[in-house]
PDB file of N, CA and C in Angstrom:
ATOM      1  N   MET A   1     -38.932-156.781  11.408  1.00  0.00           N
ATOM      2  CA  MET A   1     -38.766-157.289  12.563  1.00  0.00           C
ATOM      3  C   MET A   1     -39.564-156.029  13.644  1.00  0.00           C
ATOM      4  N   GLU A   2     -40.320-156.375  14.747  1.00  0.00           N
ATOM      5  CA  GLU A   2     -41.011-155.652  15.522  1.00  0.00           C
ATOM      6  C   GLU A   2     -40.212-155.548  16.770  1.00  0.00           C
ATOM      7  N   ILE A   3     -39.697-154.612  17.320  1.00  0.00           N
ATOM      8  CA  ILE A   3     -39.522-154.521  18.547  1.00  0.00           C
ATOM      9  C   ILE A   3     -40.293-153.634  19.696  1.00  0.00           C
ATOM     10  N   HIS A   4     -40.381-153.643  21.071  1.00  0.00           N
ATOM     11  CA  HIS A   4     -41.177-153.292  21.640  1.00  0.00           C
ATOM     12  C   HIS A   4     -39.934-152.666  22.784  1.00  0.00           C
ATOM     13  N   LEU A   5     -40.223-151.193  22.363  1.00  0.00           N
ATOM     14  CA  LEU A   5     -39.164-150.433  23.085  1.00  0.00           C
ATOM     15  C   LEU A   5     -39.561-149.734  24.220  1.00  0.00           C
ATOM     16  N   VAL A   6     -39.253-150.032  25.645  1.00  0.00           N
ATOM     17  CA  VAL A   6     -39.722-149.559  27.009  1.00  0.00           C
ATOM     18  C   VAL A   6     -38.995-148.131  27.105  1.00  0.00           C
ATOM     19  N   LEU A   7     -39.517-147.171  27.155  1.00  0.00           N
ATOM     20  CA  LEU A   7     -38.921-145.774  27.069  1.00  0.00           C
ATOM     21  C   LEU A   7     -39.714-144.820  28.058  1.00  0.00           C
ATOM     22  N   ALA A   8     -39.300-144.454  29.054  1.00  0.00           N
ATOM     23  CA  ALA A   8     -39.699-143.281  30.117  1.00  0.00           C
ATOM     24  C   ALA A   8     -41.276-143.705  30.362  1.00  0.00           C
ATOM     25  N   GLY A   9     -41.303-145.028  30.873  1.00  0.00           N
ATOM     26  CA  GLY A   9     -42.672-145.602  31.227  1.00  0.00           C
ATOM     27  C   GLY A   9     -43.470-146.046  29.859  1.00  0.00           C
ATOM     28  N   ARG A  10     -42.648-145.859  28.808  1.00  0.00           N
ATOM     29  CA  ARG A  10     -43.941-146.107  27.823  1.00  0.00           C
ATOM     30  C   ARG A  10     -43.428-146.938  26.699  1.00  0.00           C
ATOM     31  N   VAL A  11     -44.251-147.769  26.220  1.00  0.00           N
ATOM     32  CA  VAL A  11     -44.112-148.870  24.920  1.00  0.00           C
ATOM     33  C   VAL A  11     -44.393-148.027  23.642  1.00  0.00           C
ATOM     34  N   VAL A  12     -42.785-148.093  23.243  1.00  0.00           N
ATOM     35  CA  VAL A  12     -42.907-147.978  21.767  1.00  0.00           C
ATOM     36  C   VAL A  12     -42.638-148.891  20.768  1.00  0.00           C
ATOM     37  N   VAL A  13     -43.501-149.024  19.539  1.00  0.00           N
ATOM     38  CA  VAL A  13     -43.576-150.126  18.923  1.00  0.00           C
ATOM     39  C   VAL A  13     -42.633-149.850  17.791  1.00  0.00           C
ATOM     40  N   CYS A  14     -41.608-150.224  17.438  1.00  0.00           N
ATOM     41  CA  CYS A  14     -40.606-150.238  16.360  1.00  0.00           C
ATOM     42  C   CYS A  14     -40.758-151.141  15.487  1.00  0.00           C
ATOM     43  N   LYS A  15     -41.158-151.117  13.994  1.00  0.00           N
ATOM     44  CA  LYS A  15     -41.369-151.987  13.053  1.00  0.00           C
ATOM     45  C   LYS A  15     -40.195-151.963  12.177  1.00  0.00           C
ATOM     46  N   ILE A  16     -38.837-152.580  12.268  1.00  0.00           N
ATOM     47  CA  ILE A  16     -37.846-152.411  11.333  1.00  0.00           C
ATOM     48  C   ILE A  16     -37.820-153.113  10.227  1.00  0.00           C
ATOM     49  N   ASP A  17     -37.645-152.362   8.979  1.00  0.00           N
ATOM     50  CA  ASP A  17     -37.866-152.929   7.664  1.00  0.00           C
ATOM     51  C   ASP A  17     -36.331-153.969   7.577  1.00  0.00           C
ATOM     52  N   ALA A  18     -35.043-153.521   7.739  1.00  0.00           N
ATOM     53  CA  ALA A  18     -33.883-154.149   7.466  1.00  0.00           C
ATOM     54  C   ALA A  18     -32.702-153.620   8.282  1.00  0.00           C
ATOM     55  N   ILE A  19     -32.046-154.534   8.626  1.00  0.00           N
ATOM     56  CA  ILE A  19     -30.985-154.499   9.250  1.00  0.00           C
ATOM     57  C   ILE A  19     -29.705-154.931   8.615  1.00  0.00           C
ATOM     58  N   PHE A  20     -28.717-153.962   8.348  1.00  0.00           N
ATOM     59  CA  PHE A  20     -27.467-154.526   7.508  1.00  0.00           C
ATOM     60  C   PHE A  20     -26.422-154.131   8.835  1.00  0.00           C
ATOM     61  N   ALA A  21     -25.442-155.536   8.614  1.00  0.00           N
ATOM     62  CA  ALA A  21     -24.291-155.806   9.377  1.00  0.00           C
ATOM     63  C   ALA A  21     -23.155-154.912   8.545  1.00  0.00           C
ATOM     64  N   GLU A  22     -22.137-154.180   9.529  1.00  0.00           N
ATOM     65  CA  GLU A  22     -21.221-153.440   8.335  1.00  0.00           C
ATOM     66  C   GLU A  22     -20.114-154.031   9.274  1.00  0.00           C
ATOM     67  N   GLY A  23     -19.284-155.152   9.424  1.00  0.00           N
ATOM     68  CA  GLY A  23     -18.089-155.420  10.285  1.00  0.00           C
ATOM     69  C   GLY A  23     -18.708-155.513  11.572  1.00  0.00           C
ATOM     70  N   ASP A  24     -18.532-154.850  12.534  1.00  0.00           N
ATOM     71  CA  ASP A  24     -18.833-155.017  13.831  1.00  0.00           C
ATOM     72  C   ASP A  24     -19.926-153.899  14.155  1.00  0.00           C
ATOM     73  N   SER A  25     -20.727-153.199  13.108  1.00  0.00           N
ATOM     74  CA  SER A  25     -21.631-152.083  13.281  1.00  0.00           C
ATOM     75  C   SER A  25     -22.565-152.471  12.614  1.00  0.00           C
ATOM     76  N   PHE A  26     -23.772-152.215  12.779  1.00  0.00           N
ATOM     77  CA  PHE A  26     -25.341-152.231  12.147  1.00  0.00           C
ATOM     78  C   PHE A  26     -25.747-151.084  11.829  1.00  0.00           C
ATOM     79  N   GLN A  27     -26.727-151.148  10.779  1.00  0.00           N
ATOM     80  CA  GLN A  27     -27.338-150.022  10.218  1.00  0.00           C
ATOM     81  C   GLN A  27     -28.863-150.325  10.107  1.00  0.00           C
ATOM     82  N   VAL A  28     -29.778-149.729  10.790  1.00  0.00           N
ATOM     83  CA  VAL A  28     -31.378-149.827  10.477  1.00  0.00           C
ATOM     84  C   VAL A  28     -31.523-149.119   9.063  1.00  0.00           C
ATOM     85  N   VAL A  29     -32.352-149.620   8.815  1.00  0.00           N
ATOM     86  CA  VAL A  29     -32.922-148.920   7.372  1.00  0.00           C
ATOM     87  C   VAL A  29     -34.213-148.957   7.511  1.00  0.00           C
ATOM     88  N   ASP A  30     -34.861-148.233   7.245  1.00  0.00           N
ATOM     89  CA  ASP A  30     -36.521-147.794   7.298  1.00  0.00           C
ATOM     90  C   ASP A  30     -36.849-147.288   5.981  1.00  0.00           C
ATOM     91  N   TRP A  31     -37.560-148.319   4.895  1.00  0.00           N
ATOM     92  CA  TRP A  31     -38.276-147.868   3.725  1.00  0.00           C
ATOM     93  C   TRP A  31     -39.368-147.392   3.770  1.00  0.00           C
ATOM     94  N   LYS A  32     -39.471-146.169   3.001  1.00  0.00           N
ATOM     95  CA  LYS A  32     -40.517-145.578   2.972  1.00  0.00           C
ATOM     96  C   LYS A  32     -41.089-145.154   1.573  1.00  0.00           C
ATOM     97  N   THR A  33     -42.150-145.364   1.426  1.00  0.00           N
ATOM     98  CA  THR A  33     -43.291-145.299   0.225  1.00  0.00           C
ATOM     99  C   THR A  33     -43.501-143.725  -0.292  1.00  0.00           C
ATOM    100  N   GLY A  34     -43.457-143.096   0.581  1.00  0.00           N
ATOM    101  CA  GLY A  34     -43.640-141.588   0.569  1.00  0.00           C
ATOM    102  C   GLY A  34     -42.388-140.569  -0.364  1.00  0.00           C
ATOM    103  N   LYS A  35     -42.832-139.417  -0.077  1.00  0.00           N
ATOM    104  CA  LYS A  35     -41.696-138.548  -0.780  1.00  0.00           C
ATOM    105  C   LYS A  35     -40.554-138.594   0.621  1.00  0.00           C
ATOM    106  N   ALA A  36     -39.292-138.090   0.205  1.00  0.00           N
ATOM    107  CA  ALA A  36     -38.157-137.613   1.010  1.00  0.00           C
ATOM    108  C   ALA A  36     -38.863-136.277   1.775  1.00  0.00           C
ATOM    109  N   PRO A  37     -38.264-135.923   3.088  1.00  0.00           N
ATOM    110  CA  PRO A  37     -38.284-134.762   3.570  1.00  0.00           C
ATOM    111  C   PRO A  37     -38.028-133.799   3.035  1.00  0.00           C
ATOM    112  N   VAL A  38     -39.132-132.411   2.968  1.00  0.00           N
ATOM    113  CA  VAL A  38     -39.348-131.576   2.023  1.00  0.00           C
ATOM    114  C   VAL A  38     -38.315-130.153   2.944  1.00  0.00           C
ATOM    115  N   ASP A  39     -38.417-130.713   4.312  1.00  0.00           N
ATOM    116  CA  ASP A  39     -38.175-129.071   4.800  1.00  0.00           C
ATOM    117  C   ASP A  39     -37.254-130.067   6.399  1.00  0.00           C
ATOM    118  N   ALA A  40     -36.647-128.884   7.169  1.00  0.00           N
ATOM    119  CA  ALA A  40     -36.214-129.159   8.306  1.00  0.00           C
ATOM    120  C   ALA A  40     -36.896-129.761   9.451  1.00  0.00           C
ATOM    121  N   ALA A  41     -38.271-129.484   9.401  1.00  0.00           N
ATOM    122  CA  ALA A  41     -39.062-129.925  10.527  1.00  0.00           C
ATOM    123  C   ALA A  41     -39.573-131.227   9.878  1.00  0.00           C
ATOM    124  N   ASP A  42     -39.926-131.506   8.698  1.00  0.00           N
ATOM    125  CA  ASP A  42     -39.965-132.747   8.117  1.00  0.00           C
ATOM    126  C   ASP A  42     -38.771-133.861   8.610  1.00  0.00           C
ATOM    127  N   LEU A  43     -37.768-133.728   8.163  1.00  0.00           N
ATOM    128  CA  LEU A  43     -36.620-134.472   8.406  1.00  0.00           C
ATOM    129  C   LEU A  43     -36.519-134.641  10.121  1.00  0.00           C
ATOM    130  N   GLU A  44     -36.824-133.513  11.002  1.00  0.00           N
ATOM    131  CA  GLU A  44     -36.622-133.661  12.385  1.00  0.00           C
ATOM    132  C   GLU A  44     -37.865-134.818  13.093  1.00  0.00           C
ATOM    133  N   LEU A  45     -38.673-134.811  12.310  1.00  0.00           N
ATOM    134  CA  LEU A  45     -39.568-135.562  12.841  1.00  0.00           C
ATOM    135  C   LEU A  45     -39.437-137.047  12.397  1.00  0.00           C
ATOM    136  N   LYS A  46     -39.127-137.076  10.990  1.00  0.00           N
ATOM    137  CA  LYS A  46     -38.639-138.631  10.773  1.00  0.00           C
ATOM    138  C   LYS A  46     -37.313-139.203  11.242  1.00  0.00           C
ATOM    139  N   GLN A  47     -36.534-138.311  11.657  1.00  0.00           N
ATOM    140  CA  GLN A  47     -35.301-138.574  12.169  1.00  0.00           C
ATOM    141  C   GLN A  47     -35.676-139.100  13.588  1.00  0.00           C
ATOM    142  N   LEU A  48     -36.473-138.447  14.375  1.00  0.00           N
ATOM    143  CA  LEU A  48     -36.711-139.211  15.892  1.00  0.00           C
ATOM    144  C   LEU A  48     -37.389-140.440  15.524  1.00  0.00           C
ATOM    145  N   GLN A  49     -38.152-140.932  14.438  1.00  0.00           N
ATOM    146  CA  GLN A  49     -38.203-142.397  14.568  1.00  0.00           C
ATOM    147  C   GLN A  49     -36.865-143.087  14.080  1.00  0.00           C
ATOM    148  N   LEU A  50     -36.009-142.800  13.333  1.00  0.00           N
ATOM    149  CA  LEU A  50     -35.045-143.775  13.579  1.00  0.00           C
ATOM    150  C   LEU A  50     -34.053-143.694  14.617  1.00  0.00           C
ATOM    151  N   ALA A  51     -34.023-142.504  15.589  1.00  0.00           N
ATOM    152  CA  ALA A  51     -33.342-142.905  16.644  1.00  0.00           C
ATOM    153  C   ALA A  51     -33.947-143.668  17.630  1.00  0.00           C
ATOM    154  N   LEU A  52     -35.503-143.765  17.562  1.00  0.00           N
ATOM    155  CA  LEU A  52     -36.035-144.668  18.431  1.00  0.00           C
ATOM    156  C   LEU A  52     -35.684-146.056  18.007  1.00  0.00           C
ATOM    157  N   TYR A  53     -35.962-146.224  16.543  1.00  0.00           N
ATOM    158  CA  TYR A  53     -35.353-147.720  15.921  1.00  0.00           C
ATOM    159  C   TYR A  53     -34.194-148.335  16.438  1.00  0.00           C
ATOM    160  N   ARG A  54     -33.079-147.007  16.267  1.00  0.00           N
ATOM    161  CA  ARG A  54     -31.842-147.606  16.596  1.00  0.00           C
ATOM    162  C   ARG A  54     -31.673-147.895  17.973  1.00  0.00           C
ATOM    163  N   LEU A  55     -32.004-147.192  18.788  1.00  0.00           N
ATOM    164  CA  LEU A  55     -32.144-147.773  20.390  1.00  0.00           C
ATOM    165  C   LEU A  55     -32.663-148.767  20.620  1.00  0.00           C
ATOM    166  N   ALA A  56     -33.853-149.210  19.934  1.00  0.00           N
ATOM    167  CA  ALA A  56     -34.510-150.482  19.933  1.00  0.00           C
ATOM    168  C   ALA A  56     -34.070-151.633  19.744  1.00  0.00           C
ATOM    169  N   TYR A  57     -33.186-151.607  18.595  1.00  0.00           N
ATOM    170  CA  TYR A  57     -32.373-152.715  17.853  1.00  0.00           C
ATOM    171  C   TYR A  57     -30.957-152.782  18.909  1.00  0.00           C
ATOM    172  N   ALA A  58     -30.374-151.732  19.378  1.00  0.00           N
ATOM    173  CA  ALA A  58     -29.105-151.871  20.117  1.00  0.00           C
ATOM    174  C   ALA A  58     -29.753-152.687  21.394  1.00  0.00           C
ATOM    175  N   ARG A  59     -30.710-152.412  21.873  1.00  0.00           N
ATOM    176  CA  ARG A  59     -31.109-153.027  23.182  1.00  0.00           C
ATOM    177  C   ARG A  59     -31.617-154.263  22.791  1.00  0.00           C
ATOM    178  N   TRP A  60     -32.202-154.617  21.702  1.00  0.00           N
ATOM    179  CA  TRP A  60     -32.528-156.152  21.472  1.00  0.00           C
ATOM    180  C   TRP A  60     -31.502-156.744  21.427  1.00  0.00           C
ATOM    181  N   ARG A  61     -30.490-156.320  20.468  1.00  0.00           N
ATOM    182  CA  ARG A  61     -29.205-157.119  20.612  1.00  0.00           C
ATOM    183  C   ARG A  61     -28.405-157.178  21.467  1.00  0.00           C
ATOM    184  N   GLY A  62     -28.327-156.171  22.572  1.00  0.00           N
ATOM    185  CA  GLY A  62     -27.531-156.089  23.855  1.00  0.00           C
ATOM    186  C   GLY A  62     -26.045-155.427  23.564  1.00  0.00           C
ATOM    187  N   ILE A  63     -26.417-154.469  22.409  1.00  0.00           N
ATOM    188  CA  ILE A  63     -24.919-153.770  22.130  1.00  0.00           C
ATOM    189  C   ILE A  63     -25.116-152.053  22.654  1.00  0.00           C
ATOM    190  N   ASP A  64     -23.640-151.901  22.497  1.00  0.00           N
ATOM    191  CA  ASP A  64     -24.128-150.231  22.571  1.00  0.00           C
ATOM    192  C   ASP A  64     -24.522-149.637  21.356  1.00  0.00           C
ATOM    193  N   VAL A  65     -25.449-148.837  21.784  1.00  0.00           N
ATOM    194  CA  VAL A  65     -26.188-148.091  20.915  1.00  0.00           C
ATOM    195  C   VAL A  65     -25.186-147.024  19.881  1.00  0.00           C
ATOM    196  N   GLU A  66     -24.103-146.738  19.930  1.00  0.00           N
ATOM    197  CA  GLU A  66     -23.222-146.211  18.923  1.00  0.00           C
ATOM    198  C   GLU A  66     -22.604-147.097  18.029  1.00  0.00           C
ATOM    199  N   ARG A  67     -22.851-148.638  18.242  1.00  0.00           N
ATOM    200  CA  ARG A  67     -22.421-149.397  17.249  1.00  0.00           C
ATOM    201  C   ARG A  67     -23.651-149.386  15.866  1.00  0.00           C
ATOM    202  N   VAL A  68     -24.982-148.766  16.099  1.00  0.00           N
ATOM    203  CA  VAL A  68     -25.836-148.784  15.438  1.00  0.00           C
ATOM    204  C   VAL A  68     -26.139-147.293  14.956  1.00  0.00           C
ATOM    205  N   ASP A  69     -26.050-147.515  13.132  1.00  0.00           N
ATOM    206  CA  ASP A  69     -26.238-146.072  12.464  1.00  0.00           C
ATOM    207  C   ASP A  69     -28.058-146.216  11.877  1.00  0.00           C
ATOM    208  N   ALA A  70     -28.499-145.577  11.521  1.00  0.00           N
ATOM    209  CA  ALA A  70     -29.784-145.629  10.699  1.00  0.00           C
ATOM    210  C   ALA A  70     -29.665-144.657   9.378  1.00  0.00           C
ATOM    211  N   ALA A  71     -30.603-145.064   8.610  1.00  0.00           N
ATOM    212  CA  ALA A  71     -30.916-144.164   7.617  1.00  0.00           C
ATOM    213  C   ALA A  71     -32.473-144.585   6.923  1.00  0.00           C
ATOM    214  N   PHE A  72     -32.874-143.872   6.059  1.00  0.00           N
ATOM    215  CA  PHE A  72     -34.190-144.152   5.383  1.00  0.00           C
ATOM    216  C   PHE A  72     -33.736-144.135   3.844  1.00  0.00           C
ATOM    217  N   TYR A  73     -34.669-145.003   3.542  1.00  0.00           N
ATOM    218  CA  TYR A  73     -34.746-145.260   2.020  1.00  0.00           C
ATOM    219  C   TYR A  73     -36.121-144.978   1.727  1.00  0.00           C
ATOM    220  N   PHE A  74     -36.276-144.106   0.208  1.00  0.00           N
ATOM    221  CA  PHE A  74     -37.415-143.560  -0.210  1.00  0.00           C
ATOM    222  C   PHE A  74     -37.657-144.151  -1.704  1.00  0.00           C
ATOM    223  N   VAL A  75     -38.185-145.393  -1.600  1.00  0.00           N
ATOM    224  CA  VAL A  75     -38.733-146.219  -2.747  1.00  0.00           C
ATOM    225  C   VAL A  75     -38.623-145.411  -4.178  1.00  0.00           C
ATOM    226  N   ALA A  76     -39.763-144.634  -3.997  1.00  0.00           N
ATOM    227  CA  ALA A  76     -40.376-143.946  -5.395  1.00  0.00           C
ATOM    228  C   ALA A  76     -39.169-142.980  -5.645  1.00  0.00           C
ATOM    229  N   GLU A  77     -38.472-142.342  -4.741  1.00  0.00           N
ATOM    230  CA  GLU A  77     -37.279-141.448  -5.358  1.00  0.00           C
ATOM    231  C   GLU A  77     -35.938-142.333  -5.592  1.00  0.00           C
ATOM    232  N   ASP A  78     -35.809-143.493  -5.246  1.00  0.00           N
ATOM    233  CA  ASP A  78     -34.881-144.122  -5.278  1.00  0.00           C
ATOM    234  C   ASP A  78     -33.553-143.538  -4.155  1.00  0.00           C
ATOM    235  N   ARG A  79     -33.983-142.864  -3.459  1.00  0.00           N
ATOM    236  CA  ARG A  79     -33.023-142.266  -2.520  1.00  0.00           C
ATOM    237  C   ARG A  79     -32.779-142.297  -1.111  1.00  0.00           C
ATOM    238  N   VAL A  80     -31.617-142.425  -0.584  1.00  0.00           N
ATOM    239  CA  VAL A  80     -31.233-142.801   0.736  1.00  0.00           C
ATOM    240  C   VAL A  80     -31.166-141.310   1.406  1.00  0.00           C
ATOM    241  N   VAL A  81     -31.647-141.446   2.856  1.00  0.00           N
ATOM    242  CA  VAL A  81     -31.786-139.989   3.207  1.00  0.00           C
ATOM    243  C   VAL A  81     -31.083-140.417   4.796  1.00  0.00           C
ATOM    244  N   ARG A  82     -30.279-139.826   5.013  1.00  0.00           N
ATOM    245  CA  ARG A  82     -29.681-139.994   6.443  1.00  0.00           C
ATOM    246  C   ARG A  82     -29.902-138.838   7.545  1.00  0.00           C
ATOM    247  N   PRO A  83     -30.114-139.144   8.518  1.00  0.00           N
ATOM    248  CA  PRO A  83     -30.672-137.821   9.679  1.00  0.00           C
ATOM    249  C   PRO A  83     -29.371-137.585   9.937  1.00  0.00           C
ATOM    250  N   GLU A  84     -29.815-135.973  10.306  1.00  0.00           N
ATOM    251  CA  GLU A  84     -28.622-135.195  10.632  1.00  0.00           C
ATOM    252  C   GLU A  84     -28.126-135.261  11.954  1.00  0.00           C
ATOM    253  N   ARG A  85     -29.035-135.741  12.821  1.00  0.00           N
ATOM    254  CA  ARG A  85     -28.597-136.407  14.143  1.00  0.00           C
ATOM    255  C   ARG A  85     -29.292-137.715  14.464  1.00  0.00           C
ATOM    256  N   LEU A  86     -29.050-138.077  15.287  1.00  0.00           N
ATOM    257  CA  LEU A  86     -29.512-139.379  15.880  1.00  0.00           C
ATOM    258  C   LEU A  86     -29.884-138.994  17.571  1.00  0.00           C
ATOM    259  N   TYR A  87     -30.744-138.669  18.041  1.00  0.00           N
ATOM    260  CA  TYR A  87     -30.912-138.575  19.405  1.00  0.00           C
ATOM    261  C   TYR A  87     -30.276-139.701  20.272  1.00  0.00           C
ATOM    262  N   SER A  88     -29.787-139.385  21.525  1.00  0.00           N
ATOM    263  CA  SER A  88     -29.489-140.233  22.508  1.00  0.00           C
ATOM    264  C   SER A  88     -30.525-140.848  23.434  1.00  0.00           C
ATOM    265  N   GLU A  89     -30.596-141.851  24.013  1.00  0.00           N
ATOM    266  CA  GLU A  89     -31.333-142.375  25.033  1.00  0.00           C
ATOM    267  C   GLU A  89     -32.043-141.345  25.865  1.00  0.00           C
ATOM    268  N   ASP A  90     -31.216-140.401  26.720  1.00  0.00           N
ATOM    269  CA  ASP A  90     -31.385-139.465  27.530  1.00  0.00           C
ATOM    270  C   ASP A  90     -32.354-138.463  26.675  1.00  0.00           C
ATOM    271  N   GLU A  91     -31.787-138.213  25.898  1.00  0.00           N
ATOM    272  CA  GLU A  91     -32.644-137.307  24.829  1.00  0.00           C
ATOM    273  C   GLU A  91     -34.146-137.523  24.378  1.00  0.00           C
ATOM    274  N   LEU A  92     -34.008-138.810  23.923  1.00  0.00           N
ATOM    275  CA  LEU A  92     -35.604-139.589  23.733  1.00  0.00           C
ATOM    276  C   LEU A  92     -36.444-139.332  25.174  1.00  0.00           C
ATOM    277  N   VAL A  93     -35.898-139.934  25.964  1.00  0.00           N
ATOM    278  CA  VAL A  93     -36.510-139.947  27.519  1.00  0.00           C
ATOM    279  C   VAL A  93     -37.115-138.628  27.694  1.00  0.00           C
ATOM    280  N   THR A  94     -36.178-137.381  27.643  1.00  0.00           N
ATOM    281  CA  THR A  94     -36.775-136.018  27.628  1.00  0.00           C
ATOM    282  C   THR A  94     -37.698-135.589  26.845  1.00  0.00           C
ATOM    283  N   LEU A  95     -37.812-136.008  25.250  1.00  0.00           N
ATOM    284  CA  LEU A  95     -38.665-136.079  24.436  1.00  0.00           C
ATOM    285  C   LEU A  95     -40.067-136.291  24.574  1.00  0.00           C
ATOM    286  N   ILE A  96     -39.919-137.798  25.387  1.00  0.00           N
ATOM    287  CA  ILE A  96     -40.980-138.596  25.717  1.00  0.00           C
ATOM    288  C   ILE A  96     -41.850-137.581  26.636  1.00  0.00           C
ATOM    289  N   ARG A  97     -41.120-137.399  27.934  1.00  0.00           N
ATOM    290  CA  ARG A  97     -41.513-136.861  28.924  1.00  0.00           C
ATOM    291  C   ARG A  97     -41.841-135.467  28.958  1.00  0.00           C
ATOM    292  N   THR A  98     -41.504-134.775  27.935  1.00  0.00           N
ATOM    293  CA  THR A  98     -42.139-133.398  27.760  1.00  0.00           C
ATOM    294  C   THR A  98     -43.086-133.246  26.756  1.00  0.00           C
ATOM    295  N   SER A  99     -43.383-134.332  25.688  1.00  0.00           N
ATOM    296  CA  SER A  99     -44.115-134.107  24.708  1.00  0.00           C
ATOM    297  C   SER A  99     -45.727-134.868  24.382  1.00  0.00           C
ATOM    298  N   LEU A 100     -45.388-135.682  25.524  1.00  0.00           N
ATOM    299  CA  LEU A 100     -47.008-136.819  25.639  1.00  0.00           C
ATOM    300  C   LEU A 100     -47.526-136.633  27.331  1.00  0.00           C
ATOM    301  N   PRO A 101     -48.851-136.471  27.360  1.00  0.00           N
ATOM    302  CA  PRO A 101     -49.316-136.274  28.694  1.00  0.00           C
ATOM    303  C   PRO A 101     -49.088-137.372  29.253  1.00  0.00           C
TER     304      PRO A 101
END
């Protein structure tokens, strides 16, 4: 599913691989064919992607973002990796405004 998220005056294209319903909550899962994060910096970069996907899905569904969780599935390693944190919308806006020209 492709969702276009408008955030901080920018359009972020979020290509979500799978969404699983768990009661009244949802889990966004992004399949990866590469290797799982090898260090904190690599995980930080990847979990930013999940936070964007989570927000995009919540907005698209019209639900509270707190009802949406997210994880990666690394196919080659048959490994699920959950983010240490998922940024809030305000944090994402700040990151976009301070990181992009």
